[in-house]
Structures are given as structure tokens and as C-alpha cells.
Amino acid sequence: MKAWGLVALVPTLCAAAVAARALPGPTTTTNPTAQEYDPLWEIYGLNRSAEYKYFHEPGRDDILGHYDVRFFTEPVATEERTETLTHMVRAYLNFFTENDLETWIAHGTLLGWWWNGKILPWDWDIDTQVPDTTLARLGDDFNQTIVSYTSADKKVKRKYLLDINPWSRQRERGKGHNIIDARWIDIKTGLYIDITGLSRLNPETEPDIWQCKNFHKYKVQDIYPLRKTTFEGTAAMVPFLYDSILTDEYSLRSLTATNFHNHTWYPDLEEWILDDEESMTARRREQESQDGRYYE
């Protein structure tokens, strides 16, 4: 399957670091020891030794772990989840385009794009990435923005909160509580888009290596120049070496396997279709037989 809807290349938008201003949000009150200069404390009032988790979810499983606890009431049905994620990513991409903010789709969302330009039907959230310069601008100019959205057919109206983690200013992993730097949250349901920033942590020794707080590393040439494409019917960007990034993260099989998570890929439809119970049972028996575990 060829990459979906790829139409052009666009030049890199890398720029010098954006001048930082303090982010709204909780701060700590204990000053670090005087022996070690801590710019997070000096500039933002954030004490590395007292790092707290900013974003919270109502649970840790595959369902509850994908809602923001502040807006969660109950898990949504599959159809509502699919519709919510679709409109959410359209609103996100439109907002970033309108405000000249650089972003691209990543991880499982990028894999969904590779197959058919859509969200994988079993996915619970959406992943995007931004350079640290964009992340700083989001914190400076757009933190706590509530964005109103109306679908093209005027039938769907939603509101989204763009919430920037105050610990996004800390570019190292730290205690690991805040690997997600920002979220685009559907206020109605609590479902969200995870936004992670990429930074050059060792510009002198590794000037071409960017990484996030969750140990994903990329060469600059993996990302840039970004490719212009479409995702869920909306203009989007993907990394230049998207196929290499996907195989490194998920293996080559992720681009060839046509059965996954109780879904089957139908090339004529260009869709992942949920298997019926009979198909799932037959496939399970076949796998168990191949593994030597199934006996009549």
C-alpha cells in the first residue's frame, strides 16, 4: 500500500528558539539548592526535584487511559469515539494551519495515515509532534485556548481546550511524569490528542538528533522537509522518511499485515473492517494450530 494522499514537499520551518515567557499553571515553592543553577526555577518557578504529574486520566487501561479526567463522565460508544476523534483531528489541523503552527502526525496515527489516510479504527487517541520552537509558542500565545469548531456540513459543533503542560519547558525526561507536553482535548467527552515536542538535547555532540521525553529519537533528515498530504480529509504534514520511522517503531510487518486487532484490511475498499465472530474464531484456531496449542 502506497502512502496516502502525498502531494508535495515543503521546506523545513526550523527556526531559532522562541523567546520564553512563563506558562500558566501550578508552581512549586521550594527553591533548589543554591549550588546548582536551575533555569526552570529561575524563569518559571518549576523545581525539578518536586516535579508533579500535570495531566491525569481516570484509569490506566486501554479505555480509561485515553480520557482527560477533568472532562470524563463515562466511556463513549465505538461510533461516538470514531466520530469524536475524526472531528477532533480536523479541528486540530485546521487550527494549526490557520495560526501558522508547525505540527505533523506521529506514531499510530501516522500508521493509520499510511494505510488509508484515516485513524485506525481501534485507536483510542491521536498522536502529533511539534518542534520545541512551536511548543514554546503554544505556551506563550495559545495556552488554555478554547476553540469552537463546526463541521463542514454544519451538523457537528464541538469545543476543544488546548492545554500546555507547564513542564513542557523541561525538555529532559525528568521523573517521567510529563512525557506528554500538551493536549488538544474534546471538552464534551475528555478524549484528546497527545502533543509531544522534539528537541535537540545535545546540540554540540549530536546536532542532527531530535528526541522526545519518551526516548523516541529522530535524525533531522527523518523529519524534514515535511511532506504535505491529507489526513481525514484535512491538510496535514507527515515526516519525510515516514516509512523508515514506521518500520523502526512498529516493524516492517506493520506495513504488510492485513489482520490486526480483530480487523481485516480489504484492499478493494481501502478500509479496515471489524471481523465477525466466526472469522475471529477461525483465525484464533488457525493461529493456535500453528503454535501447537490447539487440538480438536
C-alpha atoms as a PDB file:
ATOM      1  CA  MET A   1       0.000   0.000   0.000  1.00  0.00           C
ATOM      2  CA  LYS A   2       1.457   3.312  -1.005  1.00  0.00           C
ATOM      3  CA  ALA A   3       1.496   6.292   1.316  1.00  0.00           C
ATOM      4  CA  TRP A   4      -1.849   8.058   1.318  1.00  0.00           C
ATOM      5  CA  GLY A   5      -2.504  11.323  -0.487  1.00  0.00           C
ATOM      6  CA  LEU A   6       1.087  12.510  -0.690  1.00  0.00           C
ATOM      7  CA  VAL A   7       1.153  15.611  -2.877  1.00  0.00           C
ATOM      8  CA  ALA A   8       4.221  17.734  -2.207  1.00  0.00           C
ATOM      9  CA  LEU A   9       7.260  18.557  -0.143  1.00  0.00           C
ATOM     10  CA  VAL A  10       7.503  21.685   1.950  1.00  0.00           C
ATOM     11  CA  PRO A  11      10.697  23.255   3.252  1.00  0.00           C
ATOM     12  CA  THR A  12      11.702  22.968   6.863  1.00  0.00           C
ATOM     13  CA  LEU A  13      10.333  25.531   9.216  1.00  0.00           C
ATOM     14  CA  CYS A  14      13.081  25.059  11.786  1.00  0.00           C
ATOM     15  CA  ALA A  15      13.958  28.330  13.419  1.00  0.00           C
ATOM     16  CA  ALA A  16      15.888  29.722  16.315  1.00  0.00           C
ATOM     17  CA  ALA A  17      14.403  29.085  19.746  1.00  0.00           C
ATOM     18  CA  VAL A  18      11.428  31.199  20.634  1.00  0.00           C
ATOM     19  CA  ALA A  19      11.947  33.631  23.497  1.00  0.00           C
ATOM     20  CA  ALA A  20      10.249  32.060  26.504  1.00  0.00           C
ATOM     21  CA  ARG A  21       7.706  33.515  28.870  1.00  0.00           C
ATOM     22  CA  ALA A  22       6.231  31.844  31.931  1.00  0.00           C
ATOM     23  CA  LEU A  23       3.433  29.353  31.426  1.00  0.00           C
ATOM     24  CA  PRO A  24       0.232  29.475  33.460  1.00  0.00           C
ATOM     25  CA  GLY A  25      -0.208  26.542  35.793  1.00  0.00           C
ATOM     26  CA  PRO A  26       0.840  25.230  39.222  1.00  0.00           C
ATOM     27  CA  THR A  27       4.281  26.083  40.535  1.00  0.00           C
ATOM     28  CA  THR A  28       6.386  24.766  43.377  1.00  0.00           C
ATOM     29  CA  THR A  29       7.548  26.867  46.285  1.00  0.00           C
ATOM     30  CA  THR A  30      10.799  25.222  47.355  1.00  0.00           C
ATOM     31  CA  ASN A  31      13.904  26.760  45.834  1.00  0.00           C
ATOM     32  CA  PRO A  32      16.526  24.225  44.643  1.00  0.00           C
ATOM     33  CA  THR A  33      19.860  24.223  46.363  1.00  0.00           C
ATOM     34  CA  ALA A  34      21.989  27.247  45.642  1.00  0.00           C
ATOM     35  CA  GLN A  35      24.875  25.052  44.448  1.00  0.00           C
ATOM     36  CA  GLU A  36      23.136  24.152  41.170  1.00  0.00           C
ATOM     37  CA  TYR A  37      21.640  26.753  38.867  1.00  0.00           C
ATOM     38  CA  ASP A  38      18.203  25.649  37.703  1.00  0.00           C
ATOM     39  CA  PRO A  39      16.773  27.773  34.876  1.00  0.00           C
ATOM     40  CA  LEU A  40      13.352  26.136  35.319  1.00  0.00           C
ATOM     41  CA  TRP A  41      13.224  27.598  38.809  1.00  0.00           C
ATOM     42  CA  GLU A  42      14.730  30.956  37.904  1.00  0.00           C
ATOM     43  CA  ILE A  43      12.460  31.568  34.914  1.00  0.00           C
ATOM     44  CA  TYR A  44       9.289  29.545  35.507  1.00  0.00           C
ATOM     45  CA  GLY A  45       9.191  28.706  39.215  1.00  0.00           C
ATOM     46  CA  LEU A  46       9.404  24.971  38.496  1.00  0.00           C
ATOM     47  CA  ASN A  47      11.571  22.886  40.833  1.00  0.00           C
ATOM     48  CA  ARG A  48      12.918  19.741  39.125  1.00  0.00           C
ATOM     49  CA  SER A  49      13.111  17.882  42.429  1.00  0.00           C
ATOM     50  CA  ALA A  50       9.394  18.486  43.043  1.00  0.00           C
ATOM     51  CA  GLU A  51       8.084  17.572  39.592  1.00  0.00           C
ATOM     52  CA  TYR A  52       4.383  16.647  39.701  1.00  0.00           C
ATOM     53  CA  LYS A  53       2.201  14.957  37.066  1.00  0.00           C
ATOM     54  CA  TYR A  54       0.151  17.569  35.229  1.00  0.00           C
ATOM     55  CA  PHE A  55      -2.211  15.551  33.030  1.00  0.00           C
ATOM     56  CA  HIS A  56      -4.381  12.920  34.703  1.00  0.00           C
ATOM     57  CA  GLU A  57      -6.574  10.125  33.341  1.00  0.00           C
ATOM     58  CA  PRO A  58      -9.449   8.293  35.088  1.00  0.00           C
ATOM     59  CA  GLY A  59      -7.639   4.942  34.727  1.00  0.00           C
ATOM     60  CA  ARG A  60      -4.644   3.212  33.179  1.00  0.00           C
ATOM     61  CA  ASP A  61      -6.184   0.591  30.891  1.00  0.00           C
ATOM     62  CA  ASP A  62      -6.696   0.896  27.123  1.00  0.00           C
ATOM     63  CA  ILE A  63     -10.054   2.603  27.630  1.00  0.00           C
ATOM     64  CA  LEU A  64      -9.837   4.837  30.690  1.00  0.00           C
ATOM     65  CA  GLY A  65      -6.227   5.747  29.982  1.00  0.00           C
ATOM     66  CA  HIS A  66      -7.297   7.772  26.940  1.00  0.00           C
ATOM     67  CA  TYR A  67      -9.538  10.356  28.613  1.00  0.00           C
ATOM     68  CA  ASP A  68      -8.650  13.546  30.428  1.00  0.00           C
ATOM     69  CA  VAL A  69     -10.077  13.153  33.916  1.00  0.00           C
ATOM     70  CA  ARG A  70     -11.345  16.750  34.072  1.00  0.00           C
ATOM     71  CA  PHE A  71     -13.872  16.173  31.276  1.00  0.00           C
ATOM     72  CA  PHE A  72     -14.595  12.465  31.679  1.00  0.00           C
ATOM     73  CA  THR A  73     -18.007  11.157  32.722  1.00  0.00           C
ATOM     74  CA  GLU A  74     -18.180   7.718  31.081  1.00  0.00           C
ATOM     75  CA  PRO A  75     -16.559   5.888  28.142  1.00  0.00           C
ATOM     76  CA  VAL A  76     -18.176   6.679  24.806  1.00  0.00           C
ATOM     77  CA  ALA A  77     -19.522   4.073  22.386  1.00  0.00           C
ATOM     78  CA  THR A  78     -17.380   2.999  19.427  1.00  0.00           C
ATOM     79  CA  GLU A  79     -19.297   5.058  16.873  1.00  0.00           C
ATOM     80  CA  GLU A  80     -19.161   8.189  19.011  1.00  0.00           C
ATOM     81  CA  ARG A  81     -15.465   7.671  19.680  1.00  0.00           C
ATOM     82  CA  THR A  82     -14.717   7.390  15.957  1.00  0.00           C
ATOM     83  CA  GLU A  83     -16.751  10.497  15.160  1.00  0.00           C
ATOM     84  CA  THR A  84     -15.183  12.424  18.048  1.00  0.00           C
ATOM     85  CA  LEU A  85     -11.616  11.588  17.010  1.00  0.00           C
ATOM     86  CA  THR A  86     -12.311  12.435  13.365  1.00  0.00           C
ATOM     87  CA  HIS A  87     -13.695  15.900  14.094  1.00  0.00           C
ATOM     88  CA  MET A  88     -11.067  16.474  16.766  1.00  0.00           C
ATOM     89  CA  VAL A  89      -8.139  15.935  14.404  1.00  0.00           C
ATOM     90  CA  ARG A  90      -9.765  18.039  11.691  1.00  0.00           C
ATOM     91  CA  ALA A  91     -10.211  20.894  14.138  1.00  0.00           C
ATOM     92  CA  TYR A  92      -6.632  20.497  15.391  1.00  0.00           C
ATOM     93  CA  LEU A  93      -5.069  20.509  11.937  1.00  0.00           C
ATOM     94  CA  ASN A  94      -7.174  23.461  10.815  1.00  0.00           C
ATOM     95  CA  PHE A  95      -6.240  25.463  13.925  1.00  0.00           C
ATOM     96  CA  PHE A  96      -2.528  24.826  13.465  1.00  0.00           C
ATOM     97  CA  THR A  97      -2.699  25.732   9.779  1.00  0.00           C
ATOM     98  CA  GLU A  98      -4.658  28.919  10.428  1.00  0.00           C
ATOM     99  CA  ASN A  99      -2.156  30.045  13.082  1.00  0.00           C
ATOM    100  CA  ASP A 100       0.973  29.040  11.132  1.00  0.00           C
ATOM    101  CA  LEU A 101       1.943  26.468  13.757  1.00  0.00           C
ATOM    102  CA  GLU A 102       4.132  23.567  12.679  1.00  0.00           C
ATOM    103  CA  THR A 103       2.924  20.051  13.515  1.00  0.00           C
ATOM    104  CA  TRP A 104       2.832  16.580  11.998  1.00  0.00           C
ATOM    105  CA  ILE A 105       1.053  13.321  12.777  1.00  0.00           C
ATOM    106  CA  ALA A 106       3.011  10.595  14.558  1.00  0.00           C
ATOM    107  CA  HIS A 107       3.067   7.058  15.975  1.00  0.00           C
ATOM    108  CA  GLY A 108      -0.136   5.024  15.478  1.00  0.00           C
ATOM    109  CA  THR A 109      -1.828   7.996  13.838  1.00  0.00           C
ATOM    110  CA  LEU A 110       0.930   8.072  11.221  1.00  0.00           C
ATOM    111  CA  LEU A 111       0.423   4.346  10.655  1.00  0.00           C
ATOM    112  CA  GLY A 112      -3.278   4.933  10.059  1.00  0.00           C
ATOM    113  CA  TRP A 113      -2.372   7.618   7.524  1.00  0.00           C
ATOM    114  CA  TRP A 114      -0.042   5.213   5.735  1.00  0.00           C
ATOM    115  CA  TRP A 115      -2.814   2.660   5.190  1.00  0.00           C
ATOM    116  CA  ASN A 116      -5.676   4.877   4.038  1.00  0.00           C
ATOM    117  CA  GLY A 117      -5.335   8.432   5.318  1.00  0.00           C
ATOM    118  CA  LYS A 118      -7.590   7.731   8.304  1.00  0.00           C
ATOM    119  CA  ILE A 119      -7.475   6.981  12.009  1.00  0.00           C
ATOM    120  CA  LEU A 120      -7.027   3.282  12.734  1.00  0.00           C
ATOM    121  CA  PRO A 121     -10.494   2.052  13.819  1.00  0.00           C
ATOM    122  CA  TRP A 122      -9.181   0.513  17.041  1.00  0.00           C
ATOM    123  CA  ASP A 123      -7.201   3.601  18.067  1.00  0.00           C
ATOM    124  CA  TRP A 124      -8.315   5.467  21.198  1.00  0.00           C
ATOM    125  CA  ASP A 125      -6.328   8.657  20.766  1.00  0.00           C
ATOM    126  CA  ILE A 126      -4.320  10.672  18.244  1.00  0.00           C
ATOM    127  CA  ASP A 127      -0.617  11.482  18.401  1.00  0.00           C
ATOM    128  CA  THR A 128       1.100  14.523  16.945  1.00  0.00           C
ATOM    129  CA  GLN A 129       4.533  16.061  17.289  1.00  0.00           C
ATOM    130  CA  VAL A 130       5.871  19.604  17.190  1.00  0.00           C
ATOM    131  CA  PRO A 131       9.379  21.125  17.312  1.00  0.00           C
ATOM    132  CA  ASP A 132      10.304  22.730  20.610  1.00  0.00           C
ATOM    133  CA  THR A 133      10.090  26.181  18.999  1.00  0.00           C
ATOM    134  CA  THR A 134       6.412  25.593  18.219  1.00  0.00           C
ATOM    135  CA  LEU A 135       5.875  24.141  21.686  1.00  0.00           C
ATOM    136  CA  ALA A 136       7.242  27.325  23.249  1.00  0.00           C
ATOM    137  CA  ARG A 137       4.983  29.457  21.059  1.00  0.00           C
ATOM    138  CA  LEU A 138       1.974  27.358  22.051  1.00  0.00           C
ATOM    139  CA  GLY A 139       2.764  28.006  25.703  1.00  0.00           C
ATOM    140  CA  ASP A 140       3.378  31.708  25.159  1.00  0.00           C
ATOM    141  CA  ASP A 141       0.450  32.586  22.926  1.00  0.00           C
ATOM    142  CA  PHE A 142      -2.182  29.825  22.938  1.00  0.00           C
ATOM    143  CA  ASN A 143      -2.200  28.068  26.309  1.00  0.00           C
ATOM    144  CA  GLN A 144      -5.735  27.465  27.660  1.00  0.00           C
ATOM    145  CA  THR A 145      -7.292  28.486  24.356  1.00  0.00           C
ATOM    146  CA  ILE A 146     -10.811  27.123  23.822  1.00  0.00           C
ATOM    147  CA  VAL A 147     -11.504  26.574  20.142  1.00  0.00           C
ATOM    148  CA  SER A 148     -15.025  26.316  18.713  1.00  0.00           C
ATOM    149  CA  TYR A 149     -15.494  24.003  15.746  1.00  0.00           C
ATOM    150  CA  THR A 150     -18.299  23.444  13.272  1.00  0.00           C
ATOM    151  CA  SER A 151     -18.106  20.610  10.749  1.00  0.00           C
ATOM    152  CA  ALA A 152     -18.288  21.322   7.018  1.00  0.00           C
ATOM    153  CA  ASP A 153     -21.884  20.062   6.859  1.00  0.00           C
ATOM    154  CA  LYS A 154     -22.811  22.223   9.904  1.00  0.00           C
ATOM    155  CA  LYS A 155     -24.140  19.143  11.748  1.00  0.00           C
ATOM    156  CA  VAL A 156     -21.411  18.849  14.376  1.00  0.00           C
ATOM    157  CA  LYS A 157     -20.361  21.550  16.818  1.00  0.00           C
ATOM    158  CA  ARG A 158     -17.626  20.956  19.363  1.00  0.00           C
ATOM    159  CA  LYS A 159     -15.256  22.836  21.649  1.00  0.00           C
ATOM    160  CA  TYR A 160     -11.640  21.937  22.332  1.00  0.00           C
ATOM    161  CA  LEU A 161      -9.171  23.002  25.001  1.00  0.00           C
ATOM    162  CA  LEU A 162      -5.528  23.491  24.032  1.00  0.00           C
ATOM    163  CA  ASP A 163      -3.714  22.813  27.305  1.00  0.00           C
ATOM    164  CA  ILE A 164       0.075  23.200  27.522  1.00  0.00           C
ATOM    165  CA  ASN A 165       1.835  21.283  30.274  1.00  0.00           C
ATOM    166  CA  PRO A 166       3.906  23.720  32.369  1.00  0.00           C
ATOM    167  CA  TRP A 167       6.598  21.010  32.496  1.00  0.00           C
ATOM    168  CA  SER A 168       6.913  21.217  28.714  1.00  0.00           C
ATOM    169  CA  ARG A 169       9.647  23.770  29.478  1.00  0.00           C
ATOM    170  CA  GLN A 170      11.678  20.886  30.916  1.00  0.00           C
ATOM    171  CA  ARG A 171      12.990  19.160  27.815  1.00  0.00           C
ATOM    172  CA  GLU A 172      14.638  16.228  29.578  1.00  0.00           C
ATOM    173  CA  ARG A 173      12.515  13.304  30.754  1.00  0.00           C
ATOM    174  CA  GLY A 174      12.896  14.248  34.410  1.00  0.00           C
ATOM    175  CA  LYS A 175      10.876  11.908  36.627  1.00  0.00           C
ATOM    176  CA  GLY A 176       8.825  10.697  33.674  1.00  0.00           C
ATOM    177  CA  HIS A 177       5.563  12.200  34.901  1.00  0.00           C
ATOM    178  CA  ASN A 178       5.186  14.591  31.961  1.00  0.00           C
ATOM    179  CA  ILE A 179       6.269  12.939  28.739  1.00  0.00           C
ATOM    180  CA  ILE A 180       3.197  14.485  27.091  1.00  0.00           C
ATOM    181  CA  ASP A 181       3.849  18.175  26.545  1.00  0.00           C
ATOM    182  CA  ALA A 182       0.369  19.356  25.574  1.00  0.00           C
ATOM    183  CA  ARG A 183      -3.119  18.131  24.765  1.00  0.00           C
ATOM    184  CA  TRP A 184      -5.965  19.103  22.472  1.00  0.00           C
ATOM    185  CA  ILE A 185      -8.989  17.953  24.478  1.00  0.00           C
ATOM    186  CA  ASP A 186     -12.575  17.391  23.425  1.00  0.00           C
ATOM    187  CA  ILE A 187     -14.471  19.139  26.230  1.00  0.00           C
ATOM    188  CA  LYS A 188     -17.617  17.054  25.709  1.00  0.00           C
ATOM    189  CA  THR A 189     -16.017  13.623  26.162  1.00  0.00           C
ATOM    190  CA  GLY A 190     -12.482  14.067  27.502  1.00  0.00           C
ATOM    191  CA  LEU A 191     -10.888  12.270  24.535  1.00  0.00           C
ATOM    192  CA  TYR A 192      -7.724  14.016  23.423  1.00  0.00           C
ATOM    193  CA  ILE A 193      -4.824  14.439  21.042  1.00  0.00           C
ATOM    194  CA  ASP A 194      -1.398  13.947  22.634  1.00  0.00           C
ATOM    195  CA  ILE A 195       1.120  16.590  21.540  1.00  0.00           C
ATOM    196  CA  THR A 196       4.809  15.899  22.151  1.00  0.00           C
ATOM    197  CA  GLY A 197       7.726  18.168  21.446  1.00  0.00           C
ATOM    198  CA  LEU A 198      11.043  17.223  19.848  1.00  0.00           C
ATOM    199  CA  SER A 199      14.271  18.887  20.967  1.00  0.00           C
ATOM    200  CA  ARG A 200      17.989  18.807  20.303  1.00  0.00           C
ATOM    201  CA  LEU A 201      19.186  17.758  23.756  1.00  0.00           C
ATOM    202  CA  ASN A 202      22.869  17.605  22.795  1.00  0.00           C
ATOM    203  CA  PRO A 203      23.318  20.230  20.081  1.00  0.00           C
ATOM    204  CA  GLU A 204      27.101  20.222  20.322  1.00  0.00           C
ATOM    205  CA  THR A 205      27.720  16.465  20.183  1.00  0.00           C
ATOM    206  CA  GLU A 206      24.542  15.347  18.343  1.00  0.00           C
ATOM    207  CA  PRO A 207      23.335  18.360  16.341  1.00  0.00           C
ATOM    208  CA  ASP A 208      21.192  16.261  13.997  1.00  0.00           C
ATOM    209  CA  ILE A 209      19.389  14.221  16.688  1.00  0.00           C
ATOM    210  CA  TRP A 210      15.958  15.248  17.959  1.00  0.00           C
ATOM    211  CA  GLN A 211      14.095  13.397  20.676  1.00  0.00           C
ATOM    212  CA  CYS A 212      11.004  13.488  22.845  1.00  0.00           C
ATOM    213  CA  LYS A 213      10.773  12.696  26.556  1.00  0.00           C
ATOM    214  CA  ASN A 214       9.746   9.105  25.823  1.00  0.00           C
ATOM    215  CA  PHE A 215      13.090   8.205  24.221  1.00  0.00           C
ATOM    216  CA  HIS A 216      11.924   8.366  20.602  1.00  0.00           C
ATOM    217  CA  LYS A 217      14.893   9.677  18.622  1.00  0.00           C
ATOM    218  CA  TYR A 218      14.963  11.017  15.076  1.00  0.00           C
ATOM    219  CA  LYS A 219      17.539  12.466  12.748  1.00  0.00           C
ATOM    220  CA  VAL A 220      16.661  15.850  11.317  1.00  0.00           C
ATOM    221  CA  GLN A 221      16.562  14.264   7.870  1.00  0.00           C
ATOM    222  CA  ASP A 222      13.965  11.758   9.123  1.00  0.00           C
ATOM    223  CA  ILE A 223      11.579  14.639   9.738  1.00  0.00           C
ATOM    224  CA  TYR A 224      12.477  17.372   7.271  1.00  0.00           C
ATOM    225  CA  PRO A 225      11.468  18.530   4.792  1.00  0.00           C
ATOM    226  CA  LEU A 226       7.940  17.702   5.891  1.00  0.00           C
ATOM    227  CA  ARG A 227       5.620  16.219   3.296  1.00  0.00           C
ATOM    228  CA  LYS A 228       2.291  17.849   2.577  1.00  0.00           C
ATOM    229  CA  THR A 229      -0.640  15.420   2.478  1.00  0.00           C
ATOM    230  CA  THR A 230      -4.195  14.945   3.759  1.00  0.00           C
ATOM    231  CA  PHE A 231      -5.493  13.108   6.822  1.00  0.00           C
ATOM    232  CA  GLU A 232      -9.189  12.518   7.496  1.00  0.00           C
ATOM    233  CA  GLY A 233      -9.906  14.843   4.579  1.00  0.00           C
ATOM    234  CA  THR A 234      -7.894  17.740   6.004  1.00  0.00           C
ATOM    235  CA  ALA A 235      -4.495  19.179   5.035  1.00  0.00           C
ATOM    236  CA  ALA A 236      -1.749  17.644   7.161  1.00  0.00           C
ATOM    237  CA  MET A 237       2.009  17.112   7.361  1.00  0.00           C
ATOM    238  CA  VAL A 238       3.991  13.891   7.784  1.00  0.00           C
ATOM    239  CA  PRO A 239       7.734  13.291   8.298  1.00  0.00           C
ATOM    240  CA  PHE A 240       9.904  12.993   5.196  1.00  0.00           C
ATOM    241  CA  LEU A 241      11.085   9.421   5.911  1.00  0.00           C
ATOM    242  CA  TYR A 242       7.720   8.222   7.224  1.00  0.00           C
ATOM    243  CA  ASP A 243       8.241   4.606   6.072  1.00  0.00           C
ATOM    244  CA  SER A 244      11.565   4.307   7.891  1.00  0.00           C
ATOM    245  CA  ILE A 245      10.080   5.868  11.032  1.00  0.00           C
ATOM    246  CA  LEU A 246       7.148   3.429  10.997  1.00  0.00           C
ATOM    247  CA  THR A 247       9.245   0.318  10.461  1.00  0.00           C
ATOM    248  CA  ASP A 248      11.687   1.382  13.178  1.00  0.00           C
ATOM    249  CA  GLU A 249       8.832   1.887  15.637  1.00  0.00           C
ATOM    250  CA  TYR A 250       6.447  -0.919  14.667  1.00  0.00           C
ATOM    251  CA  SER A 251       8.472  -3.293  12.390  1.00  0.00           C
ATOM    252  CA  LEU A 252       8.032  -3.940   8.685  1.00  0.00           C
ATOM    253  CA  ARG A 253       5.061  -6.156   9.444  1.00  0.00           C
ATOM    254  CA  SER A 254       3.023  -3.078  10.397  1.00  0.00           C
ATOM    255  CA  LEU A 255       3.056  -2.122   6.708  1.00  0.00           C
ATOM    256  CA  THR A 256       2.196  -5.584   5.395  1.00  0.00           C
ATOM    257  CA  ALA A 257      -0.028  -7.417   7.901  1.00  0.00           C
ATOM    258  CA  THR A 258      -3.686  -7.359   6.822  1.00  0.00           C
ATOM    259  CA  ASN A 259      -5.160  -8.784  10.024  1.00  0.00           C
ATOM    260  CA  PHE A 260      -4.804  -6.919  13.282  1.00  0.00           C
ATOM    261  CA  HIS A 261      -6.797  -6.214  16.434  1.00  0.00           C
ATOM    262  CA  ASN A 262      -9.829  -8.196  15.177  1.00  0.00           C
ATOM    263  CA  HIS A 263      -9.862  -6.199  11.932  1.00  0.00           C
ATOM    264  CA  THR A 264      -9.108  -7.223   8.345  1.00  0.00           C
ATOM    265  CA  TRP A 265      -7.759  -4.965   5.602  1.00  0.00           C
ATOM    266  CA  TYR A 266      -9.818  -5.015   2.388  1.00  0.00           C
ATOM    267  CA  PRO A 267      -7.755  -3.526  -0.475  1.00  0.00           C
ATOM    268  CA  ASP A 268     -10.761  -3.019  -2.754  1.00  0.00           C
ATOM    269  CA  LEU A 269     -12.458  -0.917  -0.064  1.00  0.00           C
ATOM    270  CA  GLU A 270      -9.244   0.575   1.321  1.00  0.00           C
ATOM    271  CA  GLU A 271     -10.695   0.062   4.779  1.00  0.00           C
ATOM    272  CA  TRP A 272     -10.064  -1.928   7.946  1.00  0.00           C
ATOM    273  CA  ILE A 273     -13.271  -3.875   8.654  1.00  0.00           C
ATOM    274  CA  LEU A 274     -14.170  -5.371  12.040  1.00  0.00           C
ATOM    275  CA  ASP A 275     -14.228  -9.169  11.864  1.00  0.00           C
ATOM    276  CA  ASP A 276     -17.389 -11.056  12.704  1.00  0.00           C
ATOM    277  CA  GLU A 277     -17.326 -13.653  15.479  1.00  0.00           C
ATOM    278  CA  GLU A 278     -16.951 -16.595  13.084  1.00  0.00           C
ATOM    279  CA  SER A 279     -13.929 -15.045  11.371  1.00  0.00           C
ATOM    280  CA  MET A 280     -12.261 -14.224  14.685  1.00  0.00           C
ATOM    281  CA  THR A 281     -12.789 -17.790  15.965  1.00  0.00           C
ATOM    282  CA  ALA A 282     -11.401 -19.321  12.763  1.00  0.00           C
ATOM    283  CA  ARG A 283      -8.345 -17.076  12.845  1.00  0.00           C
ATOM    284  CA  ARG A 284      -7.699 -17.840  16.511  1.00  0.00           C
ATOM    285  CA  ARG A 285      -7.900 -21.591  15.862  1.00  0.00           C
ATOM    286  CA  GLU A 286      -5.543 -21.268  12.907  1.00  0.00           C
ATOM    287  CA  GLN A 287      -3.012 -19.374  14.994  1.00  0.00           C
ATOM    288  CA  GLU A 288      -3.291 -21.813  17.890  1.00  0.00           C
ATOM    289  CA  SER A 289      -2.836 -24.741  15.499  1.00  0.00           C
ATOM    290  CA  GLN A 290       0.295 -23.159  14.027  1.00  0.00           C
ATOM    291  CA  ASP A 291       1.630 -22.606  17.534  1.00  0.00           C
ATOM    292  CA  GLY A 292       0.872 -26.237  18.503  1.00  0.00           C
ATOM    293  CA  ARG A 293      -1.613 -25.205  21.185  1.00  0.00           C
ATOM    294  CA  TYR A 294      -4.936 -26.115  19.556  1.00  0.00           C
ATOM    295  CA  TYR A 295      -6.412 -29.615  19.473  1.00  0.00           C
ATOM    296  CA  GLU A 296      -9.889 -30.789  18.446  1.00  0.00           C
END
